[in-house]
Protein backbone atom coordinates (compact mmCIF):
# COMPACT_ATOMS: atom_id res chain seq x y z
CA MET A 1 12.11 -21.45 -7.22
CA ARG A 2 11.82 -19.97 -3.73
CA LEU A 3 11.81 -16.18 -3.95
CA GLY A 4 11.98 -13.60 -1.21
CA VAL A 5 10.39 -10.18 -1.70
CA LEU A 6 11.67 -7.53 0.69
CA ASP A 7 9.32 -4.56 0.65
CA VAL A 8 10.58 -1.50 2.52
CA GLY A 9 7.36 0.47 2.69
CA SER A 10 6.28 3.64 4.41
CA ASN A 11 4.64 1.71 7.25
CA THR A 12 6.31 -1.69 7.36
CA VAL A 13 9.26 -3.71 6.18
CA HIS A 14 7.68 -6.89 4.89
CA LEU A 15 9.50 -10.07 3.87
CA LEU A 16 7.32 -12.37 1.78
CA VAL A 17 8.72 -15.77 0.82
CA VAL A 18 6.95 -17.55 -2.03
CA ASP A 19 7.36 -20.68 -4.11
CA ALA A 20 7.03 -19.51 -7.69
CA HIS A 21 7.57 -20.46 -11.29
CA ALA A 22 6.43 -18.99 -14.59
CA GLY A 23 2.83 -19.76 -15.50
CA ALA A 24 1.70 -20.48 -11.93
CA ALA A 25 0.39 -18.40 -9.06
CA PRO A 26 3.10 -17.64 -6.45
CA LEU A 27 2.36 -19.65 -3.30
CA PRO A 28 3.11 -17.87 0.00
CA ALA A 29 5.46 -19.90 2.21
CA TYR A 30 6.44 -17.40 4.91
CA SER A 31 5.67 -13.82 5.87
CA HIS A 32 7.29 -11.50 8.37
CA LYS A 33 6.50 -7.83 9.04
CA ALA A 34 8.17 -5.18 11.15
CA GLU A 35 6.38 -1.87 11.66
CA LEU A 36 8.82 1.03 11.29
CA ARG A 37 6.39 3.73 10.06
CA LEU A 38 9.17 5.53 8.19
CA ALA A 39 6.66 8.01 6.77
CA GLU A 40 6.14 9.33 10.29
CA LEU A 41 9.86 9.48 11.15
CA LEU A 42 10.87 12.18 8.66
CA ASP A 43 12.38 15.29 10.26
CA GLU A 44 11.69 18.92 9.35
CA ASP A 45 13.99 18.64 6.33
CA GLY A 46 12.26 15.51 5.05
CA ALA A 47 15.13 13.23 6.05
CA ILE A 48 14.92 9.86 7.78
CA GLY A 49 16.61 10.46 11.13
CA PRO A 50 19.46 8.39 12.64
CA GLU A 51 17.09 6.29 14.73
CA GLY A 52 14.98 5.44 11.70
CA VAL A 53 18.04 4.49 9.63
CA ASP A 54 19.40 2.31 12.46
CA ARG A 55 16.06 0.53 12.77
CA LEU A 56 15.85 0.04 9.02
CA VAL A 57 19.34 -1.48 8.82
CA ALA A 58 18.60 -3.83 11.74
CA THR A 59 15.28 -4.87 10.23
CA VAL A 60 16.78 -5.59 6.80
CA SER A 61 19.53 -7.63 8.47
CA GLY A 62 16.91 -9.65 10.36
CA ALA A 63 14.96 -10.23 7.16
CA LEU A 64 18.07 -11.58 5.44
CA ILE A 65 18.58 -14.12 8.22
CA ALA A 66 14.93 -15.19 8.01
CA ALA A 67 15.16 -15.52 4.21
CA GLU A 68 18.26 -17.71 4.53
CA ASP A 69 16.53 -19.88 7.14
CA LYS A 70 13.59 -20.38 4.75
CA GLY A 71 15.80 -21.42 1.83
CA VAL A 72 15.31 -18.35 -0.35
CA GLU A 73 17.27 -18.66 -3.60
CA GLU A 74 16.81 -15.11 -4.81
CA MET A 75 15.82 -11.88 -3.07
CA LEU A 76 13.85 -9.08 -4.74
CA PRO A 77 14.39 -6.00 -2.51
CA PHE A 78 12.69 -2.69 -3.14
CA ALA A 79 11.67 0.52 -1.36
CA THR A 80 8.70 2.79 -1.93
CA SER A 81 7.43 6.24 -0.98
CA ALA A 82 9.12 6.97 2.39
CA VAL A 83 12.63 6.16 1.15
CA ARG A 84 11.98 7.50 -2.36
CA GLU A 85 11.01 10.92 -1.08
CA ALA A 86 13.41 11.23 1.86
CA SER A 87 15.85 14.08 1.36
CA ASN A 88 18.68 11.77 2.45
CA ALA A 89 17.56 8.79 0.36
CA ASP A 90 21.00 8.24 -1.21
CA LEU A 91 22.68 8.11 2.18
CA VAL A 92 20.05 5.73 3.56
CA LEU A 93 20.39 3.37 0.59
CA ALA A 94 24.19 3.47 0.80
CA ARG A 95 24.12 2.66 4.51
CA VAL A 96 21.75 -0.28 3.99
CA LYS A 97 23.94 -1.67 1.21
CA GLU A 98 27.18 -1.16 3.17
CA GLU A 99 25.94 -2.87 6.34
CA THR A 100 23.66 -5.57 4.90
CA GLY A 101 24.75 -6.06 1.30
CA VAL A 102 21.17 -5.43 0.14
CA ASP A 103 20.86 -3.07 -2.82
CA LEU A 104 17.37 -1.64 -2.44
CA GLY A 105 15.80 -0.69 -5.75
CA VAL A 106 13.61 2.38 -5.32
CA LEU A 107 10.34 2.18 -7.23
CA SER A 108 8.84 5.35 -8.62
CA GLY A 109 5.23 6.09 -7.73
CA GLU A 110 4.12 5.26 -11.26
CA GLU A 111 6.02 1.94 -11.14
CA GLU A 112 4.20 1.12 -7.89
CA ALA A 113 0.88 1.79 -9.55
CA ARG A 114 1.75 -0.25 -12.64
CA LEU A 115 3.05 -3.27 -10.74
CA THR A 116 0.08 -3.29 -8.38
CA PHE A 117 -2.23 -3.04 -11.39
CA LEU A 118 -0.46 -6.05 -12.96
CA ALA A 119 -1.11 -8.08 -9.80
CA ALA A 120 -4.80 -7.12 -9.80
CA ARG A 121 -5.17 -7.94 -13.50
CA ARG A 122 -3.64 -11.38 -13.02
CA TRP A 123 -5.86 -12.04 -9.99
CA TYR A 124 -9.13 -11.10 -11.71
CA GLY A 125 -8.25 -12.05 -15.29
CA TRP A 126 -9.39 -10.63 -18.60
CA SER A 127 -13.07 -11.18 -17.82
CA ALA A 128 -12.92 -8.25 -15.37
CA GLY A 129 -12.73 -5.87 -18.33
CA LYS A 130 -11.55 -2.33 -17.69
CA LEU A 131 -10.02 -2.18 -14.19
CA LEU A 132 -9.72 0.84 -11.93
CA LEU A 133 -7.25 0.23 -9.12
CA LEU A 134 -6.88 2.22 -5.89
CA ASP A 135 -4.04 1.60 -3.42
CA ILE A 136 -3.44 3.61 -0.22
CA GLY A 137 -0.03 3.12 1.36
CA GLY A 138 1.69 4.85 4.23
CA GLY A 139 3.23 7.50 2.00
CA SER A 140 1.19 7.65 -1.19
CA LEU A 141 -2.02 6.87 -3.06
CA GLU A 142 -1.69 5.00 -6.34
CA VAL A 143 -4.39 4.99 -9.00
CA ALA A 144 -4.26 2.96 -12.22
CA TYR A 145 -6.73 2.20 -14.99
CA GLY A 146 -6.74 0.02 -18.09
CA ILE A 147 -7.92 -3.00 -20.01
CA ASP A 148 -4.54 -4.71 -20.51
CA GLU A 149 -1.80 -5.81 -18.11
CA GLU A 150 -0.15 -2.42 -18.54
CA PRO A 151 -2.51 0.36 -17.41
CA ASP A 152 -3.48 3.15 -19.78
CA ALA A 153 -3.12 5.67 -16.95
CA ALA A 154 -1.21 5.45 -13.67
CA VAL A 155 -0.48 8.13 -11.07
CA SER A 156 0.92 8.39 -7.57
CA LEU A 157 -0.14 11.13 -5.17
CA PRO A 158 1.45 12.08 -1.80
CA LEU A 159 -1.69 11.01 0.07
CA GLY A 160 -0.49 8.10 2.18
CA ALA A 161 -2.23 7.46 5.50
CA GLY A 162 0.95 7.74 7.58
CA ARG A 163 2.22 10.88 5.86
CA LEU A 164 -1.14 12.68 6.21
CA THR A 165 -1.63 11.65 9.84
CA ALA A 166 1.77 13.01 10.84
CA ALA A 167 1.30 16.28 8.95
CA TRP A 168 -2.39 17.06 9.45
CA LEU A 169 -3.87 15.20 12.44
CA PRO A 170 -1.81 15.79 15.61
CA GLY A 171 -4.70 15.47 18.07
CA ASP A 172 -6.09 12.31 19.61
CA PRO A 173 -8.94 12.46 18.85
CA PRO A 174 -8.19 14.94 16.07
CA ASP A 175 -9.58 18.45 16.12
CA PRO A 176 -12.63 18.72 13.80
CA SER A 177 -11.07 21.72 12.05
CA ASP A 178 -7.98 19.62 11.24
CA VAL A 179 -10.17 16.85 9.84
CA ARG A 180 -12.01 19.33 7.61
CA ALA A 181 -8.73 20.86 6.42
CA LEU A 182 -7.32 17.43 5.57
CA ARG A 183 -10.53 16.48 3.76
CA ARG A 184 -10.25 19.60 1.57
CA HIS A 185 -6.57 18.92 0.87
CA VAL A 186 -7.17 15.28 -0.08
CA ARG A 187 -10.03 16.06 -2.44
CA ALA A 188 -8.18 18.92 -4.13
CA GLN A 189 -5.20 16.63 -4.81
CA ILE A 190 -7.33 13.79 -6.19
CA ALA A 191 -9.53 16.09 -8.27
CA ARG A 192 -6.49 17.18 -10.30
CA THR A 193 -6.08 13.67 -11.66
CA VAL A 194 -9.69 12.67 -12.32
CA GLY A 195 -9.77 14.14 -15.82
CA GLU A 196 -6.84 11.99 -16.92
CA PHE A 197 -8.85 8.87 -16.07
CA SER A 198 -12.36 9.98 -17.08
CA ARG A 199 -11.26 10.43 -20.71
CA THR A 200 -10.63 6.67 -20.94
CA GLY A 201 -14.21 5.68 -20.11
CA SER A 202 -15.95 4.03 -17.18
CA PRO A 203 -14.34 0.98 -15.53
CA ASP A 204 -16.07 -2.39 -15.56
CA HIS A 205 -14.60 -3.35 -12.19
CA VAL A 206 -13.11 -1.26 -9.38
CA VAL A 207 -10.64 -2.90 -7.00
CA ALA A 208 -8.52 -1.76 -4.07
CA THR A 209 -5.46 -3.14 -2.35
CA SER A 210 -3.53 -2.23 0.83
CA LYS A 211 -4.00 -2.70 4.54
CA THR A 212 -6.00 0.52 4.79
CA PHE A 213 -8.70 -0.65 2.41
CA LYS A 214 -8.76 -4.12 3.97
CA GLN A 215 -9.31 -2.65 7.44
CA LEU A 216 -12.00 -0.26 6.21
CA ALA A 217 -13.81 -3.12 4.51
CA ARG A 218 -13.52 -5.24 7.65
CA ILE A 219 -15.03 -2.63 9.98
CA ALA A 220 -17.81 -2.15 7.42
CA GLY A 221 -18.69 -5.84 7.68
CA ALA A 222 -16.42 -7.74 5.27
CA ALA A 223 -15.23 -11.26 6.11
CA ARG A 224 -12.21 -11.61 8.39
CA SER A 225 -8.86 -12.66 6.94
CA THR A 226 -9.05 -16.12 8.53
CA GLU A 227 -11.86 -17.01 6.12
CA GLY A 228 -9.35 -17.13 3.26
CA VAL A 229 -8.28 -15.11 0.23
CA TYR A 230 -11.00 -16.42 -2.09
CA VAL A 231 -13.88 -14.92 -0.10
CA GLN A 232 -15.17 -11.81 -1.85
CA ARG A 233 -14.76 -8.65 0.23
CA THR A 234 -16.32 -5.36 -0.81
CA LEU A 235 -16.51 -1.80 0.48
CA SER A 236 -19.35 0.54 -0.43
CA ARG A 237 -19.08 4.30 -0.47
CA LYS A 238 -22.24 4.52 1.60
CA SER A 239 -20.69 2.44 4.40
CA LEU A 240 -17.48 4.44 4.25
CA GLU A 241 -19.34 7.74 4.48
CA GLU A 242 -21.08 6.45 7.61
CA TRP A 243 -17.80 5.38 9.20
CA VAL A 244 -15.69 8.51 8.58
CA PRO A 245 -17.39 10.69 11.24
CA LYS A 246 -17.32 7.78 13.69
CA LEU A 247 -13.57 7.32 13.18
CA ALA A 248 -13.02 11.09 13.51
CA ALA A 249 -14.66 11.06 16.93
CA MET A 250 -12.60 8.13 18.23
CA THR A 251 -9.24 8.10 19.96
CA THR A 252 -6.50 5.83 18.65
CA GLU A 253 -7.13 3.42 21.51
CA GLN A 254 -10.84 3.25 20.71
CA ARG A 255 -10.09 2.43 17.07
CA THR A 256 -8.01 -0.57 18.13
CA THR A 257 -11.20 -2.18 19.45
CA LEU A 258 -12.72 -2.23 15.95
CA PRO A 259 -12.65 -5.57 14.07
CA GLY A 260 -9.49 -6.05 12.02
CA VAL A 261 -7.79 -2.82 13.12
CA SER A 262 -4.24 -3.35 14.36
CA GLU A 263 -2.67 -1.21 17.07
CA GLY A 264 0.03 -0.01 14.70
CA ARG A 265 -2.45 1.19 12.07
CA ALA A 266 -5.22 2.59 14.28
CA ARG A 267 -3.85 6.15 14.37
CA GLN A 268 -3.63 6.29 10.56
CA LEU A 269 -7.06 4.85 9.87
CA LEU A 270 -8.96 8.15 9.75
CA ALA A 271 -6.59 9.71 7.24
CA GLY A 272 -6.79 6.55 5.14
CA ALA A 273 -10.59 6.65 5.32
CA LEU A 274 -10.65 10.27 4.15
CA VAL A 275 -8.47 9.36 1.16
CA ALA A 276 -10.59 6.30 0.35
CA GLU A 277 -13.82 8.30 0.63
CA GLY A 278 -12.45 11.11 -1.50
CA ALA A 279 -11.19 8.75 -4.20
CA MET A 280 -14.42 6.76 -4.36
CA ASP A 281 -16.51 9.94 -4.50
CA LEU A 282 -14.45 11.81 -7.10
CA PHE A 283 -14.03 8.76 -9.34
CA GLY A 284 -17.74 7.98 -9.03
CA VAL A 285 -17.27 4.59 -7.35
CA GLU A 286 -20.26 3.21 -5.44
CA GLU A 287 -18.59 -0.08 -4.47
CA LEU A 288 -15.18 -1.67 -4.87
CA GLU A 289 -13.72 -5.12 -4.28
CA ILE A 290 -10.68 -5.85 -2.14
CA CYS A 291 -7.94 -7.57 -4.16
CA PRO A 292 -5.77 -10.06 -2.21
CA TRP A 293 -2.75 -9.41 -4.46
CA ALA A 294 -0.88 -6.11 -4.48
CA LEU A 295 2.57 -4.62 -5.09
CA ARG A 296 4.67 -7.52 -3.78
CA GLU A 297 2.86 -9.99 -6.02
CA GLY A 298 3.27 -7.58 -8.93
CA VAL A 299 7.04 -7.50 -8.37
CA ILE A 300 7.14 -11.31 -8.31
CA LEU A 301 5.02 -11.66 -11.45
CA ARG A 302 7.10 -9.14 -13.39
CA HIS A 303 10.28 -10.96 -12.33
CA LEU A 304 8.90 -14.32 -13.47
CA ASP A 305 7.80 -12.80 -16.79
CA GLN A 306 11.38 -11.72 -17.45
CA LEU A 307 12.96 -15.11 -16.80
CA PRO A 308 14.18 -17.01 -19.90
CA VAL A 309 11.87 -19.77 -21.09
CA GLY A 310 13.13 -23.35 -20.85
């Protein structure tokens, strides 16, 4: 079966086409991304403005054409933090459905965390033991922990790299006082959730997904993406702590010269690094591993699990 996953995220709209069937790993066949950065397009009332909605409708329409060209039999469309938390979410969803026919399912933050955890569990298997998962998106931070395919604890916090950059870091480079204020805010938010996870014991393996973590690992020396998904990539807290002040002193343009940092994500990288550093510190993580699978793969796997056998 050729499936299409349409992920309307806070940073990008990503169409992933895979060949998949129950009991096998989904094989990527085609990928297309469009950077909309919806988390940064919210107005004072928290609504996605007319320009953002127009761009979203056009992008979804383009993704449908691409999916048809690639022979997609079934589309799994969903939206995450930026649409979920927009004050005009219902109007946005209605407009997308009216003009494209796509009925975007809006995932809750906890569902995001649980589906991403499922993907990580399937990637690493049971031998990984108790997993702690961290995922930084454009609009939110997801944390999940457990020993099974369903996590014992899962939370979503409004600490996405795009959201925080727009709200807290207007300067380029940012003002040091703004960086300190954001650091305090991030750590206060994360600290509220640590107790819920610490009661369940220490993890055997800590993993992270998302573009933010991949870019942070890359600038800290991890292998480039062209070396393949099976190469182990790690990020240590020590390396991250060394990079945060460097990133804070850089302009957006200077960050684009770093290995693996895209132009569209460079402005958000500092906020993402502050969230990653805060999470690793407060959860007592010295080193984590970058997981190639994330939310989209979790959506695919859950869909395959629900198909009738035979």
